[in-house]
Amino acid sequence: MGMIVRGERSGEGFDFETALQTYKTTGCNTLAVGTLPLEVRTHLSRQHLGASDERRFRLLALTADAAATAAERLPTEMSEIDRNRTRVLLHEGTVRSSSARSTGALVEDGSRIFSPSDSILGFQQDILGAIDSLTRSAGDLKPAELRMCLDSLAPLLDAYGTAPTESLVEAVTARVRETEGMGHAYLPLPRTHETVRALESNFEIVLSVEAADRGYVQTWDLREPDIQKSLALDIR
């Protein structure tokens, strides 16, 4: 059971679970915020990308600070079909040849890591290209089957500034929404920070995660309908 903070009216089609199910049919994006250890960020990604027994087309776009956890964010056991439905992008923010589109490196599950160009525009284009590639390969992509995870926005803001990062977020979240997929991005700032306020209009949900006496508390802030609900977060 969670604590209803704002807006939920059970029995009127205006409740938290109904709203989440609606988002799964129409497409949505979630902005996760809060200063979190890497293990919690990894858990949120893994939860969002789904288990191996679910038909998913997964895109994991990581900056260098999260790159080492790529394999941990994906299902433990993946079939050859699952691997073909997975893309892992790594943006290191280092200068490299634009022709070096693939490192040839493998995460533990065998999914190939594609290394984008050093610019934020190149990273944006590679994310959009990966979404398009997954959409084409699916053929009959159903709502919520495309799952995109971007961790973290902080290095992009630090390296390129607010405006270019906002442009990337706007383009990527729009493309996820067009495919009726579900996107997840992480920003290590408090819910009230001005940068969060500047970016949140691109997201249907803002998920604030904070440390509590026992574990963590996640507060879901839904835009439409206007519902806020807090739940315990179990990362075991």
Protein backbone atom coordinates (compact mmCIF):
# COMPACT_ATOMS: atom_id res chain seq x y z
CA MET A 1 0.00 0.00 0.00
CA GLY A 2 1.19 3.48 -0.76
CA MET A 3 0.43 6.86 0.68
CA ILE A 4 -1.82 9.01 -1.49
CA VAL A 5 -0.34 12.48 -1.45
CA ARG A 6 -2.57 14.19 -3.97
CA GLY A 7 -5.36 13.66 -6.44
CA GLU A 8 -6.35 10.00 -6.33
CA ARG A 9 -10.07 9.17 -6.21
CA SER A 10 -10.59 5.42 -6.16
CA GLY A 11 -13.63 4.07 -7.96
CA GLU A 12 -13.86 7.05 -10.30
CA GLY A 13 -11.31 5.95 -12.89
CA PHE A 14 -9.00 8.54 -11.39
CA ASP A 15 -6.59 6.35 -9.48
CA PHE A 16 -2.87 5.64 -9.66
CA GLU A 17 -2.97 2.13 -11.12
CA THR A 18 -5.53 3.08 -13.79
CA ALA A 19 -3.40 6.07 -14.81
CA LEU A 20 -0.27 3.92 -15.16
CA GLN A 21 -2.10 1.36 -17.27
CA THR A 22 -3.37 4.15 -19.52
CA TYR A 23 0.17 5.44 -19.98
CA LYS A 24 1.23 1.94 -21.05
CA THR A 25 -1.26 2.08 -23.92
CA THR A 26 -0.50 5.63 -25.07
CA GLY A 27 3.25 5.90 -24.46
CA CYS A 28 4.96 7.97 -21.80
CA ASN A 29 8.27 9.16 -20.38
CA THR A 30 9.44 9.23 -16.77
CA LEU A 31 12.07 11.57 -15.32
CA ALA A 32 13.68 10.01 -12.23
CA VAL A 33 15.28 12.55 -9.90
CA GLY A 34 17.22 12.55 -6.65
CA THR A 35 20.83 11.97 -5.66
CA LEU A 36 21.04 8.19 -5.81
CA PRO A 37 23.80 5.59 -5.55
CA LEU A 38 24.57 3.67 -8.70
CA GLU A 39 22.90 0.50 -7.40
CA VAL A 40 19.55 2.29 -7.08
CA ARG A 41 19.88 3.84 -10.53
CA THR A 42 20.68 0.40 -11.90
CA HIS A 43 17.64 -1.10 -10.19
CA LEU A 44 15.33 1.56 -11.62
CA SER A 45 16.65 0.89 -15.12
CA ARG A 46 16.35 -2.88 -14.78
CA GLN A 47 12.80 -2.55 -13.50
CA HIS A 48 11.88 -0.25 -16.38
CA LEU A 49 13.47 -2.40 -19.11
CA GLY A 50 11.51 -5.46 -18.01
CA ALA A 51 12.15 -9.13 -17.36
CA SER A 52 13.32 -11.70 -19.89
CA ASP A 53 9.89 -13.34 -20.07
CA GLU A 54 8.38 -10.13 -21.45
CA ARG A 55 8.47 -9.18 -25.13
CA ARG A 56 10.55 -6.02 -25.02
CA PHE A 57 12.65 -3.98 -27.41
CA ARG A 58 15.25 -2.42 -25.14
CA LEU A 59 17.43 0.64 -25.63
CA LEU A 60 19.93 1.48 -22.92
CA ALA A 61 21.72 4.82 -23.47
CA LEU A 62 24.43 5.42 -20.89
CA THR A 63 26.96 8.13 -20.15
CA ALA A 64 30.43 7.17 -18.94
CA ASP A 65 29.54 7.36 -15.22
CA ALA A 66 27.02 4.52 -15.64
CA ALA A 67 28.67 2.47 -18.39
CA ALA A 68 30.08 -0.23 -16.09
CA THR A 69 26.57 -1.25 -15.03
CA ALA A 70 25.21 -1.95 -18.52
CA ALA A 71 24.93 -5.72 -18.07
CA GLU A 72 23.33 -5.39 -14.62
CA ARG A 73 20.51 -3.28 -16.06
CA LEU A 74 19.46 -5.95 -18.54
CA PRO A 75 17.72 -9.26 -17.74
CA THR A 76 20.04 -11.87 -16.24
CA GLU A 77 19.23 -14.44 -18.90
CA MET A 78 18.58 -13.28 -22.43
CA SER A 79 17.84 -15.41 -25.46
CA GLU A 80 19.30 -14.75 -28.89
CA ILE A 81 15.98 -13.12 -29.80
CA ASP A 82 16.22 -10.82 -26.77
CA ARG A 83 19.79 -9.86 -27.67
CA ASN A 84 18.68 -8.93 -31.18
CA ARG A 85 16.00 -6.75 -29.63
CA THR A 86 18.50 -4.86 -27.45
CA ARG A 87 20.66 -1.83 -28.18
CA VAL A 88 23.25 -0.40 -25.77
CA LEU A 89 24.62 3.07 -26.49
CA LEU A 90 27.60 4.46 -24.63
CA HIS A 91 28.41 8.17 -24.72
CA GLU A 92 31.85 8.74 -23.26
CA GLY A 93 32.17 12.39 -24.23
CA THR A 94 35.60 11.78 -25.78
CA VAL A 95 36.82 12.67 -29.22
CA ARG A 96 36.73 9.73 -31.62
CA SER A 97 36.43 9.14 -35.33
CA SER A 98 32.89 9.57 -36.56
CA SER A 99 33.36 6.40 -38.59
CA ALA A 100 33.98 4.34 -35.45
CA ARG A 101 30.33 3.48 -34.96
CA SER A 102 30.82 0.29 -32.97
CA THR A 103 33.36 -0.61 -30.33
CA GLY A 104 32.80 -4.31 -30.93
CA ALA A 105 32.71 -4.68 -27.15
CA LEU A 106 30.15 -6.92 -25.52
CA VAL A 107 28.29 -6.69 -22.26
CA GLU A 108 27.91 -9.98 -20.41
CA ASP A 109 24.64 -10.91 -22.11
CA GLY A 110 26.19 -10.53 -25.55
CA SER A 111 24.43 -7.32 -26.58
CA ARG A 112 26.73 -5.19 -28.69
CA ILE A 113 27.70 -1.77 -27.39
CA PHE A 114 27.46 0.92 -30.04
CA SER A 115 29.62 3.91 -29.21
CA PRO A 116 28.17 7.20 -30.47
CA SER A 117 30.13 10.20 -31.68
CA ASP A 118 31.53 12.66 -29.15
CA SER A 119 28.91 15.40 -29.74
CA ILE A 120 25.55 15.63 -28.04
CA LEU A 121 23.90 15.92 -31.46
CA GLY A 122 25.59 12.67 -32.48
CA PHE A 123 24.35 11.02 -29.29
CA GLN A 124 20.83 12.27 -29.98
CA GLN A 125 20.92 10.98 -33.55
CA ASP A 126 22.18 7.59 -32.40
CA ILE A 127 19.41 7.28 -29.81
CA LEU A 128 16.77 8.21 -32.40
CA GLY A 129 18.38 5.84 -34.91
CA ALA A 130 18.33 2.99 -32.39
CA ILE A 131 14.64 3.61 -31.66
CA ASP A 132 13.88 3.56 -35.38
CA SER A 133 15.95 0.39 -35.83
CA LEU A 134 14.09 -1.40 -33.03
CA THR A 135 10.75 -0.21 -34.39
CA ARG A 136 11.55 -1.56 -37.86
CA SER A 137 12.81 -4.88 -36.52
CA ALA A 138 9.68 -5.33 -34.42
CA GLY A 139 7.34 -5.10 -37.39
CA ASP A 140 4.25 -5.19 -35.17
CA LEU A 141 5.46 -3.14 -32.20
CA LYS A 142 2.75 -2.99 -29.54
CA PRO A 143 2.27 -0.28 -26.88
CA ALA A 144 4.84 -0.37 -24.05
CA GLU A 145 7.05 -2.93 -25.82
CA LEU A 146 9.72 -0.33 -26.63
CA ARG A 147 11.63 0.55 -23.46
CA MET A 148 14.26 3.29 -23.51
CA CYS A 149 16.50 4.19 -20.57
CA LEU A 150 18.84 7.21 -20.50
CA ASP A 151 21.24 7.49 -17.55
CA SER A 152 22.33 10.15 -16.84
CA LEU A 153 21.46 13.63 -18.02
CA ALA A 154 23.96 15.23 -15.62
CA PRO A 155 27.15 14.67 -17.70
CA LEU A 156 25.34 16.03 -20.76
CA LEU A 157 24.32 19.18 -18.88
CA ASP A 158 27.86 19.58 -17.54
CA ALA A 159 29.55 19.08 -20.92
CA TYR A 160 27.14 20.78 -23.30
CA GLY A 161 24.88 23.06 -21.26
CA THR A 162 21.14 23.33 -20.74
CA ALA A 163 19.84 24.22 -24.21
CA PRO A 164 21.47 21.32 -26.16
CA THR A 165 20.45 18.86 -23.43
CA GLU A 166 16.87 20.15 -23.49
CA SER A 167 16.84 19.66 -27.28
CA LEU A 168 18.00 16.05 -26.91
CA VAL A 169 15.40 15.35 -24.22
CA GLU A 170 12.62 16.89 -26.28
CA ALA A 171 13.54 14.90 -29.40
CA VAL A 172 14.02 11.57 -27.63
CA THR A 173 10.90 11.73 -25.48
CA ALA A 174 8.82 12.74 -28.51
CA ARG A 175 10.11 9.76 -30.51
CA VAL A 176 9.41 7.35 -27.64
CA ARG A 177 5.89 8.74 -27.38
CA GLU A 178 5.34 8.37 -31.13
CA THR A 179 6.10 4.64 -30.87
CA GLU A 180 3.78 4.32 -27.84
CA GLY A 181 6.86 3.21 -25.95
CA MET A 182 8.05 3.99 -22.44
CA GLY A 183 11.09 6.11 -21.70
CA HIS A 184 13.06 6.62 -18.50
CA ALA A 185 15.72 9.26 -17.87
CA TYR A 186 17.69 9.98 -14.71
CA LEU A 187 18.82 13.36 -13.39
CA PRO A 188 20.66 13.52 -10.03
CA LEU A 189 19.00 16.68 -8.76
CA PRO A 190 16.22 17.33 -6.23
CA ARG A 191 12.61 17.59 -7.42
CA THR A 192 12.50 21.35 -6.80
CA HIS A 193 15.69 22.20 -8.73
CA GLU A 194 15.24 24.69 -11.56
CA THR A 195 16.75 22.29 -14.11
CA VAL A 196 14.18 19.65 -13.21
CA ARG A 197 11.47 22.27 -13.60
CA ALA A 198 12.86 23.23 -17.01
CA LEU A 199 12.87 19.63 -18.30
CA GLU A 200 9.76 18.13 -16.71
CA SER A 201 7.30 19.33 -19.37
CA ASN A 202 8.79 16.64 -21.65
CA PHE A 203 7.76 13.91 -19.22
CA GLU A 204 4.38 12.53 -18.21
CA ILE A 205 5.79 11.34 -14.88
CA VAL A 206 8.40 12.71 -12.49
CA LEU A 207 9.67 10.04 -10.10
CA SER A 208 11.42 11.37 -7.00
CA VAL A 209 13.47 8.84 -5.03
CA GLU A 210 14.81 9.63 -1.58
CA ALA A 211 16.58 7.70 1.15
CA ALA A 212 14.40 6.84 4.14
CA ASP A 213 14.96 5.23 7.54
CA ARG A 214 14.54 1.82 5.92
CA GLY A 215 15.52 1.83 2.29
CA TYR A 216 14.08 4.34 -0.16
CA VAL A 217 10.78 6.07 -0.87
CA GLN A 218 9.62 6.76 -4.42
CA THR A 219 7.12 9.54 -5.06
CA TRP A 220 5.27 9.34 -8.37
CA ASP A 221 4.11 12.69 -9.71
CA LEU A 222 1.74 12.15 -12.66
CA ARG A 223 0.89 15.07 -14.92
CA GLU A 224 -2.43 13.84 -16.31
CA PRO A 225 -4.35 12.97 -14.25
CA ASP A 226 -2.84 15.12 -11.52
CA ILE A 227 -1.91 12.40 -9.01
CA GLN A 228 0.97 12.14 -6.58
CA LYS A 229 1.61 8.94 -4.66
CA SER A 230 4.46 7.70 -2.47
CA LEU A 231 5.54 4.07 -2.29
CA ALA A 232 8.36 2.12 -0.66
CA LEU A 233 11.13 1.12 -3.06
CA ASP A 234 12.56 -2.35 -2.57
CA ILE A 235 15.85 -2.74 -4.46
CA ARG A 236 16.53 -6.32 -3.35
